[in-house]
Amino acid sequence: MLILLGLRRVGADPAVASAIFLTTLTDIVGMGLMLGLATVLVL
């Protein structure tokens, strides 16, 4: 929410500018799940 408010304050469209943050968050969660699953399978 703070990111969206910050983007609105600097004049950027939050719907368009937040796409990069959503993509980054999705990649981080996906990588974490993949590494967690690999760890469980190896042990």
C-alpha atoms as a PDB file:
ATOM      1  CA  MET A   1       0.000   0.000   0.000  1.00  0.00           C
ATOM      2  CA  LEU A   2       2.860   2.369   0.776  1.00  0.00           C
ATOM      3  CA  ILE A   3       4.335   1.789  -2.670  1.00  0.00           C
ATOM      4  CA  LEU A   4       1.055   2.726  -4.327  1.00  0.00           C
ATOM      5  CA  LEU A   5       0.694   5.860  -2.231  1.00  0.00           C
ATOM      6  CA  GLY A   6       4.277   6.840  -2.997  1.00  0.00           C
ATOM      7  CA  LEU A   7       3.727   6.365  -6.715  1.00  0.00           C
ATOM      8  CA  ARG A   8       0.583   8.486  -6.590  1.00  0.00           C
ATOM      9  CA  ARG A   9       2.475  11.222  -4.733  1.00  0.00           C
ATOM     10  CA  VAL A  10       5.165  11.489  -7.443  1.00  0.00           C
ATOM     11  CA  GLY A  11       2.515  11.556 -10.159  1.00  0.00           C
ATOM     12  CA  ALA A  12       2.905   8.050 -11.594  1.00  0.00           C
ATOM     13  CA  ASP A  13      -0.127   5.914 -12.402  1.00  0.00           C
ATOM     14  CA  PRO A  14      -0.162   3.255  -9.656  1.00  0.00           C
ATOM     15  CA  ALA A  15      -1.907   0.661 -11.839  1.00  0.00           C
ATOM     16  CA  VAL A  16       0.823   0.794 -14.486  1.00  0.00           C
ATOM     17  CA  ALA A  17       3.869   1.433 -12.293  1.00  0.00           C
ATOM     18  CA  SER A  18       3.061  -1.290  -9.749  1.00  0.00           C
ATOM     19  CA  ALA A  19       3.348  -4.047 -12.380  1.00  0.00           C
ATOM     20  CA  ILE A  20       7.138  -4.270 -11.888  1.00  0.00           C
ATOM     21  CA  PHE A  21       6.672  -4.685  -8.132  1.00  0.00           C
ATOM     22  CA  LEU A  22       4.073  -7.409  -8.629  1.00  0.00           C
ATOM     23  CA  THR A  23       6.352  -9.256 -11.061  1.00  0.00           C
ATOM     24  CA  THR A  24       9.278  -9.030  -8.640  1.00  0.00           C
ATOM     25  CA  LEU A  25       7.194 -10.322  -5.746  1.00  0.00           C
ATOM     26  CA  THR A  26       5.884 -13.211  -7.857  1.00  0.00           C
ATOM     27  CA  ASP A  27       9.428 -14.171  -8.902  1.00  0.00           C
ATOM     28  CA  ILE A  28      10.708 -14.061  -5.315  1.00  0.00           C
ATOM     29  CA  VAL A  29       7.854 -16.208  -3.999  1.00  0.00           C
ATOM     30  CA  GLY A  30       8.199 -18.686  -6.878  1.00  0.00           C
ATOM     31  CA  MET A  31      11.949 -19.053  -6.359  1.00  0.00           C
ATOM     32  CA  GLY A  32      11.457 -19.503  -2.619  1.00  0.00           C
ATOM     33  CA  LEU A  33       8.863 -22.217  -3.146  1.00  0.00           C
ATOM     34  CA  MET A  34      11.050 -23.984  -5.694  1.00  0.00           C
ATOM     35  CA  LEU A  35      14.099 -23.938  -3.419  1.00  0.00           C
ATOM     36  CA  GLY A  36      12.011 -25.000  -0.430  1.00  0.00           C
ATOM     37  CA  LEU A  37      10.565 -27.942  -2.342  1.00  0.00           C
ATOM     38  CA  ALA A  38      14.029 -28.947  -3.567  1.00  0.00           C
ATOM     39  CA  THR A  39      15.335 -28.842  -0.001  1.00  0.00           C
ATOM     40  CA  VAL A  40      12.486 -31.022   1.247  1.00  0.00           C
ATOM     41  CA  LEU A  41      13.018 -33.553  -1.549  1.00  0.00           C
ATOM     42  CA  VAL A  42      16.795 -33.741  -1.003  1.00  0.00           C
ATOM     43  CA  LEU A  43      16.542 -34.211   2.739  1.00  0.00           C
END
